[in-house]
C-alpha atoms as a PDB file:
ATOM      1  CA  MET A   1     120.633 101.914 102.981  1.00  0.00           C
ATOM      2  CA  THR A   2     119.888  98.440 101.527  1.00  0.00           C
ATOM      3  CA  SER A   3     121.821  96.225  99.167  1.00  0.00           C
ATOM      4  CA  THR A   4     119.043  97.332  96.238  1.00  0.00           C
ATOM      5  CA  GLU A   5     120.299 100.702  96.591  1.00  0.00           C
ATOM      6  CA  LEU A   6     123.305 102.793  95.511  1.00  0.00           C
ATOM      7  CA  ALA A   7     125.350 105.454  97.856  1.00  0.00           C
ATOM      8  CA  ASP A   8     122.929 107.946  97.014  1.00  0.00           C
ATOM      9  CA  GLY A   9     120.004 106.000  97.609  1.00  0.00           C
ATOM     10  CA  PHE A  10     118.997 105.049  94.328  1.00  0.00           C
ATOM     11  CA  VAL A  11     117.907 101.949  92.979  1.00  0.00           C
ATOM     12  CA  ARG A  12     120.270 100.142  90.004  1.00  0.00           C
ATOM     13  CA  ARG A  13     118.050  98.012  88.164  1.00  0.00           C
ATOM     14  CA  VAL A  14     114.689  98.991  87.663  1.00  0.00           C
ATOM     15  CA  GLY A  15     111.536  97.122  86.013  1.00  0.00           C
ATOM     16  CA  VAL A  16     108.440  98.767  84.312  1.00  0.00           C
ATOM     17  CA  LEU A  17     105.496  96.360  83.261  1.00  0.00           C
ATOM     18  CA  GLY A  18     104.006  98.030  80.344  1.00  0.00           C
ATOM     19  CA  GLY A  19     105.920 100.091  77.730  1.00  0.00           C
ATOM     20  CA  GLY A  20     102.326 102.521  77.048  1.00  0.00           C
ATOM     21  CA  ARG A  21     103.026 106.054  77.724  1.00  0.00           C
ATOM     22  CA  MET A  22     102.986 105.934  80.816  1.00  0.00           C
ATOM     23  CA  GLY A  23     105.378 103.172  81.266  1.00  0.00           C
ATOM     24  CA  ALA A  24     107.858 104.502  78.495  1.00  0.00           C
ATOM     25  CA  GLY A  25     107.809 107.922  80.766  1.00  0.00           C
ATOM     26  CA  ILE A  26     108.794 105.962  83.964  1.00  0.00           C
ATOM     27  CA  ALA A  27     111.288 103.909  82.104  1.00  0.00           C
ATOM     28  CA  HIS A  28     112.585 107.521  80.840  1.00  0.00           C
ATOM     29  CA  ALA A  29     112.727 108.750  84.131  1.00  0.00           C
ATOM     30  CA  PHE A  30     115.132 106.215  85.694  1.00  0.00           C
ATOM     31  CA  LEU A  31     117.022 106.031  83.032  1.00  0.00           C
ATOM     32  CA  VAL A  32     118.561 109.441  82.805  1.00  0.00           C
ATOM     33  CA  ARG A  33     119.383 109.154  86.275  1.00  0.00           C
ATOM     34  CA  GLY A  34     121.676 105.889  85.364  1.00  0.00           C
ATOM     35  CA  ALA A  35     119.343 102.812  86.414  1.00  0.00           C
ATOM     36  CA  THR A  36     119.439 100.384  83.978  1.00  0.00           C
ATOM     37  CA  VAL A  37     115.709  99.332  82.431  1.00  0.00           C
ATOM     38  CA  VAL A  38     113.987  96.492  81.410  1.00  0.00           C
ATOM     39  CA  VAL A  39     110.645  97.038  79.822  1.00  0.00           C
ATOM     40  CA  VAL A  40     108.028  94.302  80.036  1.00  0.00           C
ATOM     41  CA  GLU A  41     105.011  93.553  77.228  1.00  0.00           C
ATOM     42  CA  ARG A  42     102.651  91.576  76.644  1.00  0.00           C
ATOM     43  CA  ASP A  43     104.244  90.344  73.118  1.00  0.00           C
ATOM     44  CA  GLU A  44     107.737  91.577  70.497  1.00  0.00           C
ATOM     45  CA  GLU A  45     105.271  94.099  68.765  1.00  0.00           C
ATOM     46  CA  ALA A  46     104.442  95.938  71.824  1.00  0.00           C
ATOM     47  CA  ALA A  47     107.743  95.424  73.006  1.00  0.00           C
ATOM     48  CA  ASP A  48     109.208  97.636  69.905  1.00  0.00           C
ATOM     49  CA  GLY A  49     107.088 100.072  70.225  1.00  0.00           C
ATOM     50  CA  ALA A  50     107.638 100.771  73.925  1.00  0.00           C
ATOM     51  CA  ARG A  51     111.608 101.272  72.952  1.00  0.00           C
ATOM     52  CA  ALA A  52     110.385 103.509  70.394  1.00  0.00           C
ATOM     53  CA  ARG A  53     108.221 105.804  72.651  1.00  0.00           C
ATOM     54  CA  VAL A  54     111.731 105.588  75.429  1.00  0.00           C
ATOM     55  CA  ALA A  55     114.053 106.051  72.538  1.00  0.00           C
ATOM     56  CA  ALA A  56     112.133 109.357  71.441  1.00  0.00           C
ATOM     57  CA  SER A  57     111.600 110.591  74.637  1.00  0.00           C
ATOM     58  CA  VAL A  58     115.176 110.383  75.625  1.00  0.00           C
ATOM     59  CA  GLU A  59     115.979 111.921  72.238  1.00  0.00           C
ATOM     60  CA  THR A  60     113.772 114.956  72.830  1.00  0.00           C
ATOM     61  CA  SER A  61     115.421 115.251  76.401  1.00  0.00           C
ATOM     62  CA  VAL A  62     119.026 115.293  75.215  1.00  0.00           C
ATOM     63  CA  GLU A  63     117.512 117.928  71.798  1.00  0.00           C
ATOM     64  CA  ARG A  64     117.009 120.176  74.580  1.00  0.00           C
ATOM     65  CA  GLY A  65     119.496 119.995  77.005  1.00  0.00           C
ATOM     66  CA  ALA A  66     117.658 118.705  79.881  1.00  0.00           C
ATOM     67  CA  VAL A  67     120.350 115.421  79.801  1.00  0.00           C
ATOM     68  CA  THR A  68     123.934 115.666  79.269  1.00  0.00           C
ATOM     69  CA  ARG A  69     124.430 112.323  77.963  1.00  0.00           C
ATOM     70  CA  SER A  70     123.750 111.016  74.415  1.00  0.00           C
ATOM     71  CA  ALA A  71     120.875 109.453  73.616  1.00  0.00           C
ATOM     72  CA  GLN A  72     122.835 106.653  72.970  1.00  0.00           C
ATOM     73  CA  GLU A  73     124.774 106.469  75.940  1.00  0.00           C
ATOM     74  CA  VAL A  74     121.218 106.485  78.066  1.00  0.00           C
ATOM     75  CA  LEU A  75     119.234 104.308  75.707  1.00  0.00           C
ATOM     76  CA  GLY A  76     122.138 101.430  76.249  1.00  0.00           C
ATOM     77  CA  GLY A  77     120.558 100.990  79.723  1.00  0.00           C
ATOM     78  CA  LEU A  78     117.174  99.907  78.247  1.00  0.00           C
ATOM     79  CA  THR A  79     115.953  96.452  77.470  1.00  0.00           C
ATOM     80  CA  THR A  80     112.721  95.057  76.547  1.00  0.00           C
ATOM     81  CA  ALA A  81     111.159  91.549  76.774  1.00  0.00           C
ATOM     82  CA  VAL A  82     108.120  89.713  76.744  1.00  0.00           C
ATOM     83  CA  ASP A  83     108.241  87.406  79.432  1.00  0.00           C
ATOM     84  CA  HIS A  84     108.261  88.022  83.250  1.00  0.00           C
ATOM     85  CA  GLY A  85     111.346  86.339  84.273  1.00  0.00           C
ATOM     86  CA  ALA A  86     112.850  89.482  83.072  1.00  0.00           C
ATOM     87  CA  PHE A  87     112.176  90.987  86.403  1.00  0.00           C
ATOM     88  CA  ALA A  88     114.278  88.749  88.107  1.00  0.00           C
ATOM     89  CA  GLY A  89     117.464  90.786  88.524  1.00  0.00           C
ATOM     90  CA  CYS A  90     115.667  93.799  89.514  1.00  0.00           C
ATOM     91  CA  ASP A  91     115.515  96.203  92.148  1.00  0.00           C
ATOM     92  CA  LEU A  92     112.685  97.740  92.340  1.00  0.00           C
ATOM     93  CA  VAL A  93     109.754  97.159  89.896  1.00  0.00           C
ATOM     94  CA  VAL A  94     106.937  99.845  88.681  1.00  0.00           C
ATOM     95  CA  GLU A  95     103.745  98.202  87.309  1.00  0.00           C
ATOM     96  CA  ALA A  96     101.802 100.509  84.802  1.00  0.00           C
ATOM     97  CA  VAL A  97      99.206  98.656  82.922  1.00  0.00           C
ATOM     98  CA  PRO A  98      95.979  99.760  82.028  1.00  0.00           C
ATOM     99  CA  GLU A  99      93.491 101.230  85.359  1.00  0.00           C
ATOM    100  CA  ASP A 100      91.713  97.697  86.277  1.00  0.00           C
ATOM    101  CA  MET A 101      91.489  96.196  89.507  1.00  0.00           C
ATOM    102  CA  ALA A 102      91.997  92.779  88.330  1.00  0.00           C
ATOM    103  CA  LEU A 103      94.117  92.702  85.791  1.00  0.00           C
ATOM    104  CA  LYS A 104      96.203  94.537  87.899  1.00  0.00           C
ATOM    105  CA  ALA A 105      96.074  92.566  91.031  1.00  0.00           C
ATOM    106  CA  THR A 106      96.755  89.736  88.874  1.00  0.00           C
ATOM    107  CA  ALA A 107     100.149  91.668  87.156  1.00  0.00           C
ATOM    108  CA  LEU A 108     101.345  92.797  90.325  1.00  0.00           C
ATOM    109  CA  ALA A 109     101.406  89.028  91.551  1.00  0.00           C
ATOM    110  CA  ARG A 110     102.844  87.338  88.392  1.00  0.00           C
ATOM    111  CA  VAL A 111     105.438  90.109  88.490  1.00  0.00           C
ATOM    112  CA  GLU A 112     106.582  89.483  92.220  1.00  0.00           C
ATOM    113  CA  ALA A 113     106.872  85.981  91.780  1.00  0.00           C
ATOM    114  CA  GLN A 114     109.949  86.352  89.568  1.00  0.00           C
ATOM    115  CA  LEU A 115     111.470  89.098  92.214  1.00  0.00           C
ATOM    116  CA  HIS A 116     114.096  88.729  94.821  1.00  0.00           C
ATOM    117  CA  PRO A 117     113.135  88.691  98.437  1.00  0.00           C
ATOM    118  CA  ASP A 118     114.227  92.558  99.107  1.00  0.00           C
ATOM    119  CA  ALA A 119     113.053  93.764  95.846  1.00  0.00           C
ATOM    120  CA  TYR A 120     110.306  96.334  95.972  1.00  0.00           C
ATOM    121  CA  LEU A 121     106.956  96.310  93.850  1.00  0.00           C
ATOM    122  CA  ALA A 122     105.207  99.900  93.099  1.00  0.00           C
ATOM    123  CA  THR A 123     101.661 100.020  91.362  1.00  0.00           C
ATOM    124  CA  ASN A 124     101.206 103.097  88.954  1.00  0.00           C
ATOM    125  CA  THR A 125      97.773 103.555  89.921  1.00  0.00           C
ATOM    126  CA  SER A 126      96.267 106.522  89.878  1.00  0.00           C
ATOM    127  CA  ALA A 127      92.729 105.858  91.577  1.00  0.00           C
ATOM    128  CA  LEU A 128      92.631 102.162  92.861  1.00  0.00           C
ATOM    129  CA  SER A 129      92.832 101.185  95.991  1.00  0.00           C
ATOM    130  CA  VAL A 130      96.407 100.387  97.151  1.00  0.00           C
ATOM    131  CA  SER A 131      95.352  98.262  99.908  1.00  0.00           C
ATOM    132  CA  GLU A 132      93.207  95.901  97.930  1.00  0.00           C
ATOM    133  CA  LEU A 133      95.698  95.166  95.309  1.00  0.00           C
ATOM    134  CA  ALA A 134      98.223  93.960  98.308  1.00  0.00           C
ATOM    135  CA  THR A 135      96.057  91.486  98.860  1.00  0.00           C
ATOM    136  CA  SER A 136      97.482  89.346  95.968  1.00  0.00           C
ATOM    137  CA  LEU A 137     101.055  89.642  97.302  1.00  0.00           C
ATOM    138  CA  THR A 138     103.208  87.580  99.556  1.00  0.00           C
ATOM    139  CA  ARG A 139     105.338  91.053 100.826  1.00  0.00           C
ATOM    140  CA  PRO A 140     102.585  93.413 101.064  1.00  0.00           C
ATOM    141  CA  GLU A 141     105.244  95.232 103.416  1.00  0.00           C
ATOM    142  CA  ARG A 142     107.546  96.030  99.881  1.00  0.00           C
ATOM    143  CA  PHE A 143     104.298  97.437  98.269  1.00  0.00           C
ATOM    144  CA  LEU A 144     103.833 100.851  97.487  1.00  0.00           C
ATOM    145  CA  GLY A 145     102.091 103.087  94.978  1.00  0.00           C
ATOM    146  CA  LEU A 146     103.934 105.326  92.921  1.00  0.00           C
ATOM    147  CA  HIS A 147     101.906 107.442  90.976  1.00  0.00           C
ATOM    148  CA  PHE A 148     103.362 109.176  88.275  1.00  0.00           C
ATOM    149  CA  PHE A 149     102.192 112.179  86.116  1.00  0.00           C
ATOM    150  CA  ASN A 150     101.836 112.746  82.458  1.00  0.00           C
ATOM    151  CA  PRO A 151     104.213 113.743  81.130  1.00  0.00           C
ATOM    152  CA  VAL A 152     106.461 111.829  83.329  1.00  0.00           C
ATOM    153  CA  PRO A 153     109.783 113.861  82.029  1.00  0.00           C
ATOM    154  CA  ALA A 154     108.782 116.838  82.812  1.00  0.00           C
ATOM    155  CA  SER A 155     106.314 115.953  85.849  1.00  0.00           C
ATOM    156  CA  LYS A 156     108.019 117.460  89.124  1.00  0.00           C
ATOM    157  CA  LEU A 157     105.556 115.353  91.103  1.00  0.00           C
ATOM    158  CA  ILE A 158     105.071 111.817  92.158  1.00  0.00           C
ATOM    159  CA  GLU A 159     101.995 110.590  94.360  1.00  0.00           C
ATOM    160  CA  VAL A 160     103.323 108.217  97.022  1.00  0.00           C
ATOM    161  CA  VAL A 161     100.605 106.033  98.659  1.00  0.00           C
ATOM    162  CA  LEU A 162     101.060 104.124 101.550  1.00  0.00           C
ATOM    163  CA  GLY A 163      99.015 100.765 101.693  1.00  0.00           C
ATOM    164  CA  GLU A 164      97.591  99.335 104.757  1.00  0.00           C
ATOM    165  CA  ARG A 165     100.779  96.725 105.238  1.00  0.00           C
ATOM    166  CA  THR A 166     103.567  99.170 103.816  1.00  0.00           C
ATOM    167  CA  SER A 167     106.574  99.147 106.051  1.00  0.00           C
ATOM    168  CA  ASP A 168     108.130 102.278 107.041  1.00  0.00           C
ATOM    169  CA  GLU A 169     111.386 101.608 105.184  1.00  0.00           C
ATOM    170  CA  THR A 170     109.615 101.222 102.083  1.00  0.00           C
ATOM    171  CA  VAL A 171     108.559 104.601 102.650  1.00  0.00           C
ATOM    172  CA  ALA A 172     111.773 105.774 103.037  1.00  0.00           C
ATOM    173  CA  ALA A 173     113.200 104.398 100.338  1.00  0.00           C
ATOM    174  CA  ALA A 174     110.401 105.765  97.821  1.00  0.00           C
ATOM    175  CA  ARG A 175     111.147 109.251  99.240  1.00  0.00           C
ATOM    176  CA  ARG A 176     114.981 108.777  98.184  1.00  0.00           C
ATOM    177  CA  TRP A 177     114.004 107.451  94.774  1.00  0.00           C
ATOM    178  CA  VAL A 178     111.567 110.810  94.057  1.00  0.00           C
ATOM    179  CA  GLN A 179     114.368 112.855  95.270  1.00  0.00           C
ATOM    180  CA  ALA A 180     117.146 111.082  92.854  1.00  0.00           C
ATOM    181  CA  LEU A 181     114.463 111.517  89.916  1.00  0.00           C
ATOM    182  CA  GLY A 182     114.560 114.951  90.121  1.00  0.00           C
ATOM    183  CA  LYS A 183     111.237 115.020  91.581  1.00  0.00           C
ATOM    184  CA  THR A 184     108.978 115.696  95.137  1.00  0.00           C
ATOM    185  CA  ALA A 185     107.592 113.220  97.086  1.00  0.00           C
ATOM    186  CA  VAL A 186     103.919 113.779  98.156  1.00  0.00           C
ATOM    187  CA  VAL A 187     102.794 111.173 100.489  1.00  0.00           C
ATOM    188  CA  VAL A 188      99.490 110.128 100.886  1.00  0.00           C
ATOM    189  CA  ARG A 189      97.361 107.357 103.041  1.00  0.00           C
ATOM    190  CA  ASP A 190      95.436 104.793 100.864  1.00  0.00           C
ATOM    191  CA  SER A 191      91.850 106.543  99.932  1.00  0.00           C
ATOM    192  CA  PRO A 192      89.644 106.907  97.008  1.00  0.00           C
ATOM    193  CA  GLY A 193      91.658 109.159  94.710  1.00  0.00           C
ATOM    194  CA  PHE A 194      94.132 110.190  96.770  1.00  0.00           C
ATOM    195  CA  ALA A 195      94.863 113.292  97.233  1.00  0.00           C
ATOM    196  CA  SER A 196      95.606 114.092  93.566  1.00  0.00           C
ATOM    197  CA  SER A 197      92.975 112.685  91.695  1.00  0.00           C
ATOM    198  CA  ARG A 198      90.304 113.432  93.913  1.00  0.00           C
ATOM    199  CA  LEU A 199      91.378 117.155  93.573  1.00  0.00           C
ATOM    200  CA  GLY A 200      91.946 117.043  90.015  1.00  0.00           C
ATOM    201  CA  VAL A 201      89.065 114.986  89.001  1.00  0.00           C
ATOM    202  CA  ALA A 202      86.618 116.973  91.360  1.00  0.00           C
ATOM    203  CA  ILE A 203      87.627 120.279  89.187  1.00  0.00           C
ATOM    204  CA  ALA A 204      87.323 118.560  85.937  1.00  0.00           C
ATOM    205  CA  LEU A 205      83.734 117.344  85.979  1.00  0.00           C
ATOM    206  CA  GLU A 206      82.804 120.748  87.181  1.00  0.00           C
ATOM    207  CA  ALA A 207      83.709 122.642  84.333  1.00  0.00           C
ATOM    208  CA  MET A 208      82.382 119.635  82.163  1.00  0.00           C
ATOM    209  CA  ARG A 209      79.309 120.548  83.760  1.00  0.00           C
ATOM    210  CA  MET A 210      79.514 124.260  82.678  1.00  0.00           C
ATOM    211  CA  VAL A 211      80.328 123.164  79.381  1.00  0.00           C
ATOM    212  CA  GLU A 212      77.061 121.270  79.553  1.00  0.00           C
ATOM    213  CA  GLU A 213      75.409 123.923  80.990  1.00  0.00           C
ATOM    214  CA  GLY A 214      76.283 126.386  78.092  1.00  0.00           C
ATOM    215  CA  VAL A 215      78.170 128.165  81.371  1.00  0.00           C
ATOM    216  CA  ALA A 216      81.162 129.110  78.921  1.00  0.00           C
ATOM    217  CA  ALA A 217      83.127 127.467  76.411  1.00  0.00           C
ATOM    218  CA  PRO A 218      85.907 125.328  77.148  1.00  0.00           C
ATOM    219  CA  GLU A 219      88.576 128.012  76.470  1.00  0.00           C
ATOM    220  CA  ASP A 220      87.232 130.151  78.623  1.00  0.00           C
ATOM    221  CA  ILE A 221      86.696 127.741  81.248  1.00  0.00           C
ATOM    222  CA  ASP A 222      90.120 127.261  81.377  1.00  0.00           C
ATOM    223  CA  ASN A 223      91.672 130.512  81.321  1.00  0.00           C
ATOM    224  CA  ALA A 224      89.756 131.564  83.936  1.00  0.00           C
ATOM    225  CA  MET A 225      91.845 128.827  86.002  1.00  0.00           C
ATOM    226  CA  VAL A 226      94.982 129.469  84.612  1.00  0.00           C
ATOM    227  CA  LEU A 227      94.865 133.214  84.511  1.00  0.00           C
ATOM    228  CA  GLY A 228      92.612 133.298  87.904  1.00  0.00           C
ATOM    229  CA  TYR A 229      94.390 130.958  89.828  1.00  0.00           C
ATOM    230  CA  GLN A 230      97.334 130.474  88.383  1.00  0.00           C
ATOM    231  CA  HIS A 231      96.701 126.623  87.054  1.00  0.00           C
ATOM    232  CA  PRO A 232      99.537 125.785  84.703  1.00  0.00           C
ATOM    233  CA  VAL A 233      96.739 123.822  82.914  1.00  0.00           C
ATOM    234  CA  GLY A 234      93.047 124.000  82.291  1.00  0.00           C
ATOM    235  CA  PRO A 235      90.961 121.210  83.637  1.00  0.00           C
ATOM    236  CA  LEU A 236      89.531 120.490  80.475  1.00  0.00           C
ATOM    237  CA  ARG A 237      92.812 120.877  78.792  1.00  0.00           C
ATOM    238  CA  THR A 238      94.458 118.682  81.576  1.00  0.00           C
ATOM    239  CA  THR A 239      91.297 115.868  80.600  1.00  0.00           C
ATOM    240  CA  ASP A 240      92.483 115.685  77.042  1.00  0.00           C
ATOM    241  CA  LEU A 241      96.097 115.138  77.561  1.00  0.00           C
ATOM    242  CA  VAL A 242      95.215 112.188  80.301  1.00  0.00           C
ATOM    243  CA  GLY A 243      92.246 110.727  78.021  1.00  0.00           C
ATOM    244  CA  LEU A 244      89.066 110.978  78.408  1.00  0.00           C
ATOM    245  CA  ASP A 245      87.784 107.188  79.014  1.00  0.00           C
ATOM    246  CA  VAL A 246      90.716 107.629  81.979  1.00  0.00           C
ATOM    247  CA  ARG A 247      89.253 110.256  83.275  1.00  0.00           C
ATOM    248  CA  LEU A 248      85.527 108.625  82.767  1.00  0.00           C
ATOM    249  CA  GLY A 249      87.051 105.154  84.436  1.00  0.00           C
ATOM    250  CA  ILE A 250      88.405 107.426  87.611  1.00  0.00           C
ATOM    251  CA  ALA A 251      85.242 109.123  88.493  1.00  0.00           C
ATOM    252  CA  GLU A 252      83.012 105.942  88.310  1.00  0.00           C
ATOM    253  CA  HIS A 253      85.552 104.492  90.665  1.00  0.00           C
ATOM    254  CA  LEU A 254      85.028 107.985  92.916  1.00  0.00           C
ATOM    255  CA  HIS A 255      81.198 107.787  92.520  1.00  0.00           C
ATOM    256  CA  ALA A 256      81.571 104.106  93.520  1.00  0.00           C
ATOM    257  CA  THR A 257      83.109 105.005  96.280  1.00  0.00           C
ATOM    258  CA  LEU A 258      82.782 108.716  97.797  1.00  0.00           C
ATOM    259  CA  GLY A 259      78.801 109.615  96.330  1.00  0.00           C
ATOM    260  CA  GLU A 260      77.111 111.121  93.888  1.00  0.00           C
ATOM    261  CA  ARG A 261      79.635 113.919  93.808  1.00  0.00           C
ATOM    262  CA  PHE A 262      81.592 112.216  91.270  1.00  0.00           C
ATOM    263  CA  ALA A 263      78.760 111.050  89.509  1.00  0.00           C
ATOM    264  CA  PRO A 264      80.051 111.363  86.101  1.00  0.00           C
ATOM    265  CA  PRO A 265      78.532 113.996  83.598  1.00  0.00           C
ATOM    266  CA  GLN A 266      76.790 112.967  80.119  1.00  0.00           C
ATOM    267  CA  ILE A 267      78.866 114.536  78.210  1.00  0.00           C
ATOM    268  CA  LEU A 268      81.976 112.753  79.433  1.00  0.00           C
ATOM    269  CA  ARG A 269      80.037 109.156  78.414  1.00  0.00           C
ATOM    270  CA  ASP A 270      79.085 110.950  75.283  1.00  0.00           C
ATOM    271  CA  LYS A 271      82.219 111.876  74.058  1.00  0.00           C
ATOM    272  CA  VAL A 272      83.894 108.801  75.297  1.00  0.00           C
ATOM    273  CA  ALA A 273      81.184 106.724  73.588  1.00  0.00           C
ATOM    274  CA  ALA A 274      82.050 108.496  70.221  1.00  0.00           C
ATOM    275  CA  GLY A 275      85.594 108.272  69.971  1.00  0.00           C
ATOM    276  CA  GLU A 276      86.266 111.876  71.229  1.00  0.00           C
ATOM    277  CA  LEU A 277      88.969 110.688  73.788  1.00  0.00           C
ATOM    278  CA  GLY A 278      91.330 113.830  73.980  1.00  0.00           C
ATOM    279  CA  ARG A 279      94.642 114.160  71.894  1.00  0.00           C
ATOM    280  CA  LYS A 280      95.420 110.909  71.614  1.00  0.00           C
ATOM    281  CA  ALA A 281      92.213 110.538  69.524  1.00  0.00           C
ATOM    282  CA  GLY A 282      92.723 114.021  67.506  1.00  0.00           C
ATOM    283  CA  ARG A 283      89.609 115.332  69.354  1.00  0.00           C
ATOM    284  CA  GLY A 284      88.043 115.238  72.921  1.00  0.00           C
ATOM    285  CA  PHE A 285      86.969 118.922  74.572  1.00  0.00           C
ATOM    286  CA  TYR A 286      89.226 120.348  72.056  1.00  0.00           C
ATOM    287  CA  ASP A 287      90.513 119.443  68.486  1.00  0.00           C
ATOM    288  CA  TRP A 288      93.822 118.089  67.848  1.00  0.00           C
ATOM    289  CA  ARG A 289      93.988 117.381  64.667  1.00  0.00           C
END
């Protein structure tokens, strides 16, 4: 156990870069387990939006009885900022900016420059190479992927992704954090799409091709997987929840690295071009309006 952890292996002070849906969910997960959290955003308006998202999420958990403390008490551990210097006292920072290699690499280097040498740094990427992102860092042994799943408060899984230079100590620490969050760690080697995105996208792309070919309606394809294979949510509804633009970006990355079997179907490209991005846009493979 290092000086950055509590007696149960949990981190005391956590930073999150980016307060969108995923970043807010990550902040929520650590807050309800007793950590203090700082969320850093690009400007004051975005920071206010991040605080509102975290507050709404925590309040919902309290109303449902998933959290025994009051929302006010939990949110007392949250601060927001627009300066990376706010990460200076953090023991762990999780980067949760959009899935763009250059953007993430630049952001991670800026964050690392603010951290003390014993601090850990993680990326919430769902498909990008952790080893490649580590090339911009001076302490790659204390860096790894922590792939959270949406919605973070309800999800039971965190994919722990090992870069080529991630140390055994960092992996062990990550396992303790995941356990303390009440979730299960799946540890994978850095490879295109890791385990979850690679399998999930493969199924989703084939489901899209089936819609494209007129094999069945989205509802029937999803029901086949939910009722026949016990998937909690079908691949097309999951795509709507994740975001068709996000799925397209991952598919393009996997297509470039793993070959034609991950080529994005035209129906996916057409829907993204039309702004049909899923639940967040009101329409995707389903009508969410």
